[in-house]
Amino acid sequence: MGILGGTVSGNLVRKVPHSGIVPNQKTSVDDWMTGPSANLAITHNVIDQFQSGYASGRPNWLAGIDVESTDLNQNLITSGSPNQNITVANNFLSNSPYTGI
């Protein structure tokens, strides 16, 4: 399952080669991350110097905080999302050439 009823708060993530916080939901039954995330709070984190390469075939390299769902072929699901009630607030993201959230 995805993250259900969780909190990611008060962390410092620095100099990561791709996204810093990634609650990822995959629709492949061959992956342990199946199932959507719900009732999740991502607050009061600092992500500094994430690099996010926008690499082909790497959907979880898109932002400092990247909440996403991918299909069986690792492509982003862009028409809606099975994730529900996810709050991303009061985070500080800096020193990156790419998208923050």
PDB file of N, CA and C in Angstrom:
ATOM      1  N   MET A   1       0.835  -1.193   0.000  1.00  0.00           N
ATOM      2  CA  MET A   1       0.000   0.000   0.000  1.00  0.00           C
ATOM      3  C   MET A   1       0.866   1.238   0.000  1.00  0.00           C
ATOM      4  N   GLY A   2       0.262   2.352  -0.343  1.00  0.00           N
ATOM      5  CA  GLY A   2       0.929   3.639  -0.250  1.00  0.00           C
ATOM      6  C   GLY A   2       0.994   4.058   1.207  1.00  0.00           C
ATOM      7  N   ILE A   3       1.361   5.286   1.437  1.00  0.00           N
ATOM      8  CA  ILE A   3       1.432   5.817   2.793  1.00  0.00           C
ATOM      9  C   ILE A   3       0.021   6.216   3.202  1.00  0.00           C
ATOM     10  N   LEU A   4      -0.482   5.626   4.257  1.00  0.00           N
ATOM     11  CA  LEU A   4      -1.839   5.904   4.725  1.00  0.00           C
ATOM     12  C   LEU A   4      -1.788   6.533   6.111  1.00  0.00           C
ATOM     13  N   GLY A   5      -2.306   7.751   6.234  1.00  0.00           N
ATOM     14  CA  GLY A   5      -2.367   8.405   7.533  1.00  0.00           C
ATOM     15  C   GLY A   5      -1.003   8.756   8.099  1.00  0.00           C
ATOM     16  N   GLY A   6      -0.068   9.145   7.253  1.00  0.00           N
ATOM     17  CA  GLY A   6       1.290   9.416   7.716  1.00  0.00           C
ATOM     18  C   GLY A   6       1.627  10.897   7.737  1.00  0.00           C
ATOM     19  N   THR A   7       2.780  11.201   8.344  1.00  0.00           N
ATOM     20  CA  THR A   7       3.312  12.547   8.396  1.00  0.00           C
ATOM     21  C   THR A   7       4.798  12.503   8.086  1.00  0.00           C
ATOM     22  N   VAL A   8       5.236  13.377   7.191  1.00  0.00           N
ATOM     23  CA  VAL A   8       6.652  13.571   6.913  1.00  0.00           C
ATOM     24  C   VAL A   8       6.928  15.012   7.309  1.00  0.00           C
ATOM     25  N   SER A   9       7.603  15.216   8.442  1.00  0.00           N
ATOM     26  CA  SER A   9       7.740  16.567   8.971  1.00  0.00           C
ATOM     27  C   SER A   9       9.073  16.759   9.690  1.00  0.00           C
ATOM     28  N   GLY A  10       9.629  17.955   9.550  1.00  0.00           N
ATOM     29  CA  GLY A  10      10.819  18.325  10.307  1.00  0.00           C
ATOM     30  C   GLY A  10      12.110  17.684   9.829  1.00  0.00           C
ATOM     31  N   ASN A  11      12.220  17.383   8.545  1.00  0.00           N
ATOM     32  CA  ASN A  11      13.419  16.737   8.015  1.00  0.00           C
ATOM     33  C   ASN A  11      14.292  17.730   7.264  1.00  0.00           C
ATOM     34  N   LEU A  12      15.594  17.456   7.250  1.00  0.00           N
ATOM     35  CA  LEU A  12      16.535  18.179   6.409  1.00  0.00           C
ATOM     36  C   LEU A  12      17.102  17.182   5.413  1.00  0.00           C
ATOM     37  N   VAL A  13      16.856  17.425   4.124  1.00  0.00           N
ATOM     38  CA  VAL A  13      17.376  16.582   3.057  1.00  0.00           C
ATOM     39  C   VAL A  13      18.292  17.466   2.224  1.00  0.00           C
ATOM     40  N   ARG A  14      19.552  17.067   2.094  1.00  0.00           N
ATOM     41  CA  ARG A  14      20.520  17.922   1.406  1.00  0.00           C
ATOM     42  C   ARG A  14      21.347  17.141   0.399  1.00  0.00           C
ATOM     43  N   LYS A  15      21.562  17.763  -0.756  1.00  0.00           N
ATOM     44  CA  LYS A  15      22.431  17.246  -1.816  1.00  0.00           C
ATOM     45  C   LYS A  15      22.036  15.852  -2.289  1.00  0.00           C
ATOM     46  N   VAL A  16      20.759  15.665  -2.586  1.00  0.00           N
ATOM     47  CA  VAL A  16      20.305  14.385  -3.132  1.00  0.00           C
ATOM     48  C   VAL A  16      20.376  14.443  -4.656  1.00  0.00           C
ATOM     49  N   PRO A  17      20.643  13.308  -5.320  1.00  0.00           N
ATOM     50  CA  PRO A  17      20.798  13.322  -6.771  1.00  0.00           C
ATOM     51  C   PRO A  17      19.481  13.433  -7.538  1.00  0.00           C
ATOM     52  N   HIS A  18      18.355  13.276  -6.850  1.00  0.00           N
ATOM     53  CA  HIS A  18      17.054  13.433  -7.498  1.00  0.00           C
ATOM     54  C   HIS A  18      16.072  13.925  -6.450  1.00  0.00           C
ATOM     55  N   SER A  19      14.804  13.624  -6.541  1.00  0.00           N
ATOM     56  CA  SER A  19      13.797  14.158  -5.624  1.00  0.00           C
ATOM     57  C   SER A  19      14.085  13.804  -4.167  1.00  0.00           C
ATOM     58  N   GLY A  20      13.732  14.719  -3.266  1.00  0.00           N
ATOM     59  CA  GLY A  20      14.009  14.517  -1.842  1.00  0.00           C
ATOM     60  C   GLY A  20      12.928  13.752  -1.104  1.00  0.00           C
ATOM     61  N   ILE A  21      11.672  14.027  -1.376  1.00  0.00           N
ATOM     62  CA  ILE A  21      10.540  13.338  -0.737  1.00  0.00           C
ATOM     63  C   ILE A  21       9.622  12.863  -1.857  1.00  0.00           C
ATOM     64  N   VAL A  22       9.397  11.554  -1.927  1.00  0.00           N
ATOM     65  CA  VAL A  22       8.639  10.984  -3.049  1.00  0.00           C
ATOM     66  C   VAL A  22       7.630   9.944  -2.553  1.00  0.00           C
ATOM     67  N   PRO A  23       6.428  10.350  -2.145  1.00  0.00           N
ATOM     68  CA  PRO A  23       5.386   9.341  -1.921  1.00  0.00           C
ATOM     69  C   PRO A  23       4.884   8.873  -3.287  1.00  0.00           C
ATOM     70  N   ASN A  24       5.300   7.710  -3.686  1.00  0.00           N
ATOM     71  CA  ASN A  24       5.073   7.206  -5.035  1.00  0.00           C
ATOM     72  C   ASN A  24       4.085   6.046  -4.994  1.00  0.00           C
ATOM     73  N   GLN A  25       3.137   6.053  -5.902  1.00  0.00           N
ATOM     74  CA  GLN A  25       2.173   4.969  -6.026  1.00  0.00           C
ATOM     75  C   GLN A  25       2.326   4.372  -7.407  1.00  0.00           C
ATOM     76  N   LYS A  26       2.532   3.062  -7.464  1.00  0.00           N
ATOM     77  CA  LYS A  26       2.680   2.377  -8.753  1.00  0.00           C
ATOM     78  C   LYS A  26       1.523   1.415  -8.954  1.00  0.00           C
ATOM     79  N   THR A  27       1.090   1.272 -10.183  1.00  0.00           N
ATOM     80  CA  THR A  27      -0.027   0.375 -10.460  1.00  0.00           C
ATOM     81  C   THR A  27       0.441  -1.018 -10.867  1.00  0.00           C
ATOM     82  N   SER A  28       1.726  -1.280 -10.789  1.00  0.00           N
ATOM     83  CA  SER A  28       2.252  -2.604 -11.110  1.00  0.00           C
ATOM     84  C   SER A  28       2.098  -3.532  -9.915  1.00  0.00           C
ATOM     85  N   VAL A  29       1.588  -4.718 -10.134  1.00  0.00           N
ATOM     86  CA  VAL A  29       1.436  -5.689  -9.046  1.00  0.00           C
ATOM     87  C   VAL A  29       2.777  -6.313  -8.675  1.00  0.00           C
ATOM     88  N   ASP A  30       3.816  -6.064  -9.472  1.00  0.00           N
ATOM     89  CA  ASP A  30       5.148  -6.588  -9.195  1.00  0.00           C
ATOM     90  C   ASP A  30       5.972  -5.657  -8.305  1.00  0.00           C
ATOM     91  N   ASP A  31       5.384  -4.608  -7.789  1.00  0.00           N
ATOM     92  CA  ASP A  31       6.114  -3.618  -7.015  1.00  0.00           C
ATOM     93  C   ASP A  31       5.474  -3.481  -5.639  1.00  0.00           C
ATOM     94  N   TRP A  32       6.281  -3.315  -4.624  1.00  0.00           N
ATOM     95  CA  TRP A  32       5.763  -3.200  -3.254  1.00  0.00           C
ATOM     96  C   TRP A  32       5.063  -1.874  -3.009  1.00  0.00           C
ATOM     97  N   MET A  33       5.216  -0.892  -3.904  1.00  0.00           N
ATOM     98  CA  MET A  33       4.601   0.414  -3.697  1.00  0.00           C
ATOM     99  C   MET A  33       3.223   0.519  -4.338  1.00  0.00           C
ATOM    100  N   THR A  34       2.518  -0.598  -4.472  1.00  0.00           N
ATOM    101  CA  THR A  34       1.185  -0.531  -5.054  1.00  0.00           C
ATOM    102  C   THR A  34       0.218   0.061  -4.041  1.00  0.00           C
ATOM    103  N   GLY A  35      -0.786   0.694  -4.543  1.00  0.00           N
ATOM    104  CA  GLY A  35      -1.791   1.320  -3.683  1.00  0.00           C
ATOM    105  C   GLY A  35      -1.524   2.800  -3.518  1.00  0.00           C
ATOM    106  N   PRO A  36      -2.557   3.627  -3.497  1.00  0.00           N
ATOM    107  CA  PRO A  36      -2.391   5.071  -3.385  1.00  0.00           C
ATOM    108  C   PRO A  36      -2.048   5.520  -1.962  1.00  0.00           C
ATOM    109  N   SER A  37      -1.535   6.737  -1.863  1.00  0.00           N
ATOM    110  CA  SER A  37      -1.323   7.369  -0.564  1.00  0.00           C
ATOM    111  C   SER A  37      -2.570   8.172  -0.221  1.00  0.00           C
ATOM    112  N   ALA A  38      -2.892   8.236   1.070  1.00  0.00           N
ATOM    113  CA  ALA A  38      -4.062   8.995   1.515  1.00  0.00           C
ATOM    114  C   ALA A  38      -3.822   9.532   2.918  1.00  0.00           C
ATOM    115  N   ASN A  39      -4.417  10.695   3.186  1.00  0.00           N
ATOM    116  CA  ASN A  39      -4.329  11.326   4.504  1.00  0.00           C
ATOM    117  C   ASN A  39      -2.869  11.495   4.931  1.00  0.00           C
ATOM    118  N   LEU A  40      -2.084  12.120   4.053  1.00  0.00           N
ATOM    119  CA  LEU A  40      -0.652  12.300   4.258  1.00  0.00           C
ATOM    120  C   LEU A  40      -0.342  13.788   4.382  1.00  0.00           C
ATOM    121  N   ALA A  41       0.480  14.155   5.365  1.00  0.00           N
ATOM    122  CA  ALA A  41       0.926  15.542   5.543  1.00  0.00           C
ATOM    123  C   ALA A  41       2.434  15.610   5.347  1.00  0.00           C
ATOM    124  N   ILE A  42       2.868  16.474   4.440  1.00  0.00           N
ATOM    125  CA  ILE A  42       4.287  16.722   4.198  1.00  0.00           C
ATOM    126  C   ILE A  42       4.519  18.185   4.566  1.00  0.00           C
ATOM    127  N   THR A  43       5.049  18.437   5.759  1.00  0.00           N
ATOM    128  CA  THR A  43       5.157  19.798   6.273  1.00  0.00           C
ATOM    129  C   THR A  43       6.494  20.040   6.981  1.00  0.00           C
ATOM    130  N   HIS A  44       6.903  21.315   6.982  1.00  0.00           N
ATOM    131  CA  HIS A  44       8.064  21.786   7.746  1.00  0.00           C
ATOM    132  C   HIS A  44       9.343  21.010   7.459  1.00  0.00           C
ATOM    133  N   ASN A  45       9.589  20.701   6.192  1.00  0.00           N
ATOM    134  CA  ASN A  45      10.818  20.032   5.762  1.00  0.00           C
ATOM    135  C   ASN A  45      11.693  21.029   5.018  1.00  0.00           C
ATOM    136  N   VAL A  46      12.995  20.781   5.016  1.00  0.00           N
ATOM    137  CA  VAL A  46      13.939  21.565   4.229  1.00  0.00           C
ATOM    138  C   VAL A  46      14.601  20.626   3.234  1.00  0.00           C
ATOM    139  N   ILE A  47      14.498  20.965   1.948  1.00  0.00           N
ATOM    140  CA  ILE A  47      15.168  20.195   0.911  1.00  0.00           C
ATOM    141  C   ILE A  47      16.109  21.164   0.199  1.00  0.00           C
ATOM    142  N   ASP A  48      17.404  20.925   0.350  1.00  0.00           N
ATOM    143  CA  ASP A  48      18.417  21.835  -0.150  1.00  0.00           C
ATOM    144  C   ASP A  48      19.318  21.124  -1.156  1.00  0.00           C
ATOM    145  N   GLN A  49      19.484  21.714  -2.307  1.00  0.00           N
ATOM    146  CA  GLN A  49      20.373  21.229  -3.352  1.00  0.00           C
ATOM    147  C   GLN A  49      19.973  19.861  -3.906  1.00  0.00           C
ATOM    148  N   PHE A  50      18.708  19.700  -4.260  1.00  0.00           N
ATOM    149  CA  PHE A  50      18.303  18.490  -4.972  1.00  0.00           C
ATOM    150  C   PHE A  50      18.556  18.732  -6.449  1.00  0.00           C
ATOM    151  N   GLN A  51      18.892  17.697  -7.181  1.00  0.00           N
ATOM    152  CA  GLN A  51      19.336  17.879  -8.562  1.00  0.00           C
ATOM    153  C   GLN A  51      18.293  17.548  -9.613  1.00  0.00           C
ATOM    154  N   SER A  52      17.369  16.664  -9.338  1.00  0.00           N
ATOM    155  CA  SER A  52      16.286  16.310 -10.269  1.00  0.00           C
ATOM    156  C   SER A  52      16.689  16.358 -11.728  1.00  0.00           C
ATOM    157  N   GLY A  53      17.074  15.234 -12.267  1.00  0.00           N
ATOM    158  CA  GLY A  53      17.637  15.202 -13.608  1.00  0.00           C
ATOM    159  C   GLY A  53      16.661  15.151 -14.756  1.00  0.00           C
ATOM    160  N   TYR A  54      15.357  15.061 -14.537  1.00  0.00           N
ATOM    161  CA  TYR A  54      14.388  14.894 -15.613  1.00  0.00           C
ATOM    162  C   TYR A  54      14.813  13.770 -16.556  1.00  0.00           C
ATOM    163  N   ALA A  55      15.295  12.690 -15.996  1.00  0.00           N
ATOM    164  CA  ALA A  55      15.819  11.586 -16.802  1.00  0.00           C
ATOM    165  C   ALA A  55      14.687  10.777 -17.425  1.00  0.00           C
ATOM    166  N   SER A  56      14.903  10.327 -18.625  1.00  0.00           N
ATOM    167  CA  SER A  56      13.938   9.470 -19.297  1.00  0.00           C
ATOM    168  C   SER A  56      13.807   8.160 -18.529  1.00  0.00           C
ATOM    169  N   GLY A  57      12.586   7.739 -18.276  1.00  0.00           N
ATOM    170  CA  GLY A  57      12.360   6.498 -17.548  1.00  0.00           C
ATOM    171  C   GLY A  57      12.501   6.648 -16.048  1.00  0.00           C
ATOM    172  N   ARG A  58      12.643   7.848 -15.561  1.00  0.00           N
ATOM    173  CA  ARG A  58      12.788   8.100 -14.124  1.00  0.00           C
ATOM    174  C   ARG A  58      11.741   9.104 -13.661  1.00  0.00           C
ATOM    175  N   PRO A  59      10.497   8.688 -13.537  1.00  0.00           N
ATOM    176  CA  PRO A  59       9.453   9.644 -13.193  1.00  0.00           C
ATOM    177  C   PRO A  59       9.607  10.231 -11.798  1.00  0.00           C
ATOM    178  N   ASN A  60      10.321   9.567 -10.891  1.00  0.00           N
ATOM    179  CA  ASN A  60      10.460  10.109  -9.545  1.00  0.00           C
ATOM    180  C   ASN A  60      11.650  11.066  -9.427  1.00  0.00           C
ATOM    181  N   TRP A  61      12.092  11.639 -10.542  1.00  0.00           N
ATOM    182  CA  TRP A  61      13.142  12.658 -10.550  1.00  0.00           C
ATOM    183  C   TRP A  61      12.575  13.995 -11.001  1.00  0.00           C
ATOM    184  N   LEU A  62      11.384  14.336 -10.600  1.00  0.00           N
ATOM    185  CA  LEU A  62      10.728  15.500 -11.177  1.00  0.00           C
ATOM    186  C   LEU A  62      10.715  16.748 -10.307  1.00  0.00           C
ATOM    187  N   ALA A  63      10.925  16.640  -8.999  1.00  0.00           N
ATOM    188  CA  ALA A  63      10.835  17.807  -8.138  1.00  0.00           C
ATOM    189  C   ALA A  63      11.417  17.498  -6.767  1.00  0.00           C
ATOM    190  N   GLY A  64      11.618  18.533  -5.978  1.00  0.00           N
ATOM    191  CA  GLY A  64      12.103  18.328  -4.610  1.00  0.00           C
ATOM    192  C   GLY A  64      11.131  17.493  -3.792  1.00  0.00           C
ATOM    193  N   ILE A  65       9.844  17.803  -3.911  1.00  0.00           N
ATOM    194  CA  ILE A  65       8.774  16.984  -3.331  1.00  0.00           C
ATOM    195  C   ILE A  65       7.912  16.536  -4.510  1.00  0.00           C
ATOM    196  N   ASP A  66       7.830  15.241  -4.712  1.00  0.00           N
ATOM    197  CA  ASP A  66       7.192  14.702  -5.915  1.00  0.00           C
ATOM    198  C   ASP A  66       6.146  13.658  -5.522  1.00  0.00           C
ATOM    199  N   VAL A  67       4.875  14.065  -5.519  1.00  0.00           N
ATOM    200  CA  VAL A  67       3.763  13.152  -5.232  1.00  0.00           C
ATOM    201  C   VAL A  67       3.237  12.673  -6.576  1.00  0.00           C
ATOM    202  N   GLU A  68       3.277  11.370  -6.816  1.00  0.00           N
ATOM    203  CA  GLU A  68       2.924  10.878  -8.143  1.00  0.00           C
ATOM    204  C   GLU A  68       2.357   9.470  -8.127  1.00  0.00           C
ATOM    205  N   SER A  69       1.790   9.107  -9.270  1.00  0.00           N
ATOM    206  CA  SER A  69       1.347   7.741  -9.554  1.00  0.00           C
ATOM    207  C   SER A  69       1.882   7.364 -10.921  1.00  0.00           C
ATOM    208  N   THR A  70       2.358   6.123 -11.055  1.00  0.00           N
ATOM    209  CA  THR A  70       2.876   5.656 -12.341  1.00  0.00           C
ATOM    210  C   THR A  70       2.150   4.386 -12.773  1.00  0.00           C
ATOM    211  N   ASP A  71       2.108   4.177 -14.091  1.00  0.00           N
ATOM    212  CA  ASP A  71       1.436   2.997 -14.621  1.00  0.00           C
ATOM    213  C   ASP A  71       2.382   1.799 -14.686  1.00  0.00           C
ATOM    214  N   LEU A  72       1.942   0.730 -15.323  1.00  0.00           N
ATOM    215  CA  LEU A  72       2.729  -0.501 -15.406  1.00  0.00           C
ATOM    216  C   LEU A  72       4.069  -0.322 -16.109  1.00  0.00           C
ATOM    217  N   ASN A  73       4.171   0.706 -16.968  1.00  0.00           N
ATOM    218  CA  ASN A  73       5.407   0.961 -17.710  1.00  0.00           C
ATOM    219  C   ASN A  73       6.227   2.104 -17.106  1.00  0.00           C
ATOM    220  N   GLN A  74       5.934   2.482 -15.884  1.00  0.00           N
ATOM    221  CA  GLN A  74       6.619   3.572 -15.187  1.00  0.00           C
ATOM    222  C   GLN A  74       6.356   4.945 -15.785  1.00  0.00           C
ATOM    223  N   ASN A  75       5.266   5.098 -16.536  1.00  0.00           N
ATOM    224  CA  ASN A  75       4.877   6.403 -17.062  1.00  0.00           C
ATOM    225  C   ASN A  75       3.963   7.093 -16.056  1.00  0.00           C
ATOM    226  N   LEU A  76       4.079   8.405 -15.949  1.00  0.00           N
ATOM    227  CA  LEU A  76       3.222   9.147 -15.034  1.00  0.00           C
ATOM    228  C   LEU A  76       1.761   9.031 -15.441  1.00  0.00           C
ATOM    229  N   ILE A  77       0.886   8.856 -14.459  1.00  0.00           N
ATOM    230  CA  ILE A  77      -0.554   8.881 -14.698  1.00  0.00           C
ATOM    231  C   ILE A  77      -0.968  10.343 -14.639  1.00  0.00           C
ATOM    232  N   THR A  78      -1.423  10.883 -15.750  1.00  0.00           N
ATOM    233  CA  THR A  78      -1.705  12.319 -15.829  1.00  0.00           C
ATOM    234  C   THR A  78      -3.192  12.655 -15.839  1.00  0.00           C
ATOM    235  N   SER A  79      -4.059  11.676 -15.966  1.00  0.00           N
ATOM    236  CA  SER A  79      -5.496  11.952 -15.986  1.00  0.00           C
ATOM    237  C   SER A  79      -6.108  11.568 -14.649  1.00  0.00           C
ATOM    238  N   GLY A  80      -5.938  12.436 -13.677  1.00  0.00           N
ATOM    239  CA  GLY A  80      -6.446  12.164 -12.341  1.00  0.00           C
ATOM    240  C   GLY A  80      -5.405  11.454 -11.499  1.00  0.00           C
ATOM    241  N   SER A  81      -5.745  11.208 -10.254  1.00  0.00           N
ATOM    242  CA  SER A  81      -4.815  10.539  -9.347  1.00  0.00           C
ATOM    243  C   SER A  81      -5.593   9.746  -8.318  1.00  0.00           C
ATOM    244  N   PRO A  82      -5.138   8.549  -8.006  1.00  0.00           N
ATOM    245  CA  PRO A  82      -5.799   7.781  -6.953  1.00  0.00           C
ATOM    246  C   PRO A  82      -5.424   8.266  -5.553  1.00  0.00           C
ATOM    247  N   ASN A  83      -4.390   9.137  -5.439  1.00  0.00           N
ATOM    248  CA  ASN A  83      -3.999   9.666  -4.131  1.00  0.00           C
ATOM    249  C   ASN A  83      -5.070  10.621  -3.624  1.00  0.00           C
ATOM    250  N   GLN A  84      -5.265  10.658  -2.281  1.00  0.00           N
ATOM    251  CA  GLN A  84      -6.311  11.499  -1.709  1.00  0.00           C
ATOM    252  C   GLN A  84      -5.825  12.184  -0.449  1.00  0.00           C
ATOM    253  N   ASN A  85      -6.285  13.428  -0.251  1.00  0.00           N
ATOM    254  CA  ASN A  85      -6.064  14.183   0.976  1.00  0.00           C
ATOM    255  C   ASN A  85      -4.576  14.262   1.337  1.00  0.00           C
ATOM    256  N   ILE A  86      -3.766  14.778   0.421  1.00  0.00           N
ATOM    257  CA  ILE A  86      -2.336  14.958   0.669  1.00  0.00           C
ATOM    258  C   ILE A  86      -2.059  16.449   0.803  1.00  0.00           C
ATOM    259  N   THR A  87      -1.493  16.843   1.930  1.00  0.00           N
ATOM    260  CA  THR A  87      -1.167  18.227   2.203  1.00  0.00           C
ATOM    261  C   THR A  87       0.334  18.420   2.096  1.00  0.00           C
ATOM    262  N   VAL A  88       0.746  19.383   1.276  1.00  0.00           N
ATOM    263  CA  VAL A  88       2.151  19.774   1.152  1.00  0.00           C
ATOM    264  C   VAL A  88       2.192  21.255   1.514  1.00  0.00           C
ATOM    265  N   ALA A  89       2.735  21.585   2.706  1.00  0.00           N
ATOM    266  CA  ALA A  89       2.688  22.968   3.182  1.00  0.00           C
ATOM    267  C   ALA A  89       3.884  23.299   4.067  1.00  0.00           C
ATOM    268  N   ASN A  90       4.284  24.563   4.027  1.00  0.00           N
ATOM    269  CA  ASN A  90       5.325  25.100   4.906  1.00  0.00           C
ATOM    270  C   ASN A  90       6.654  24.348   4.791  1.00  0.00           C
ATOM    271  N   ASN A  91       7.037  24.004   3.572  1.00  0.00           N
ATOM    272  CA  ASN A  91       8.333  23.384   3.305  1.00  0.00           C
ATOM    273  C   ASN A  91       9.239  24.430   2.677  1.00  0.00           C
ATOM    274  N   PHE A  92      10.546  24.256   2.835  1.00  0.00           N
ATOM    275  CA  PHE A  92      11.513  25.171   2.245  1.00  0.00           C
ATOM    276  C   PHE A  92      12.382  24.376   1.281  1.00  0.00           C
ATOM    277  N   LEU A  93      12.353  24.770  -0.001  1.00  0.00           N
ATOM    278  CA  LEU A  93      13.140  24.094  -1.028  1.00  0.00           C
ATOM    279  C   LEU A  93      14.053  25.133  -1.677  1.00  0.00           C
ATOM    280  N   SER A  94      15.354  24.808  -1.781  1.00  0.00           N
ATOM    281  CA  SER A  94      16.271  25.807  -2.306  1.00  0.00           C
ATOM    282  C   SER A  94      17.416  25.199  -3.097  1.00  0.00           C
ATOM    283  N   ASN A  95      18.099  26.067  -3.831  1.00  0.00           N
ATOM    284  CA  ASN A  95      19.329  25.733  -4.548  1.00  0.00           C
ATOM    285  C   ASN A  95      19.194  24.556  -5.497  1.00  0.00           C
ATOM    286  N   SER A  96      18.201  24.628  -6.355  1.00  0.00           N
ATOM    287  CA  SER A  96      18.042  23.593  -7.357  1.00  0.00           C
ATOM    288  C   SER A  96      17.697  24.237  -8.694  1.00  0.00           C
ATOM    289  N   PRO A  97      18.156  23.634  -9.783  1.00  0.00           N
ATOM    290  CA  PRO A  97      17.814  24.161 -11.095  1.00  0.00           C
ATOM    291  C   PRO A  97      16.429  23.734 -11.581  1.00  0.00           C
ATOM    292  N   TYR A  98      15.699  22.951 -10.786  1.00  0.00           N
ATOM    293  CA  TYR A  98      14.431  22.398 -11.236  1.00  0.00           C
ATOM    294  C   TYR A  98      13.277  22.739 -10.314  1.00  0.00           C
ATOM    295  N   THR A  99      12.116  22.189 -10.590  1.00  0.00           N
ATOM    296  CA  THR A  99      10.877  22.464  -9.884  1.00  0.00           C
ATOM    297  C   THR A  99      10.956  22.073  -8.410  1.00  0.00           C
ATOM    298  N   GLY A 100      10.352  22.870  -7.549  1.00  0.00           N
ATOM    299  CA  GLY A 100      10.334  22.566  -6.122  1.00  0.00           C
ATOM    300  C   GLY A 100       9.313  21.511  -5.769  1.00  0.00           C
ATOM    301  N   ILE A 101       8.049  21.699  -6.197  1.00  0.00           N
ATOM    302  CA  ILE A 101       6.990  20.742  -5.861  1.00  0.00           C
ATOM    303  C   ILE A 101       6.265  20.372  -7.140  1.00  0.00           C
TER     304      ILE A 101
END
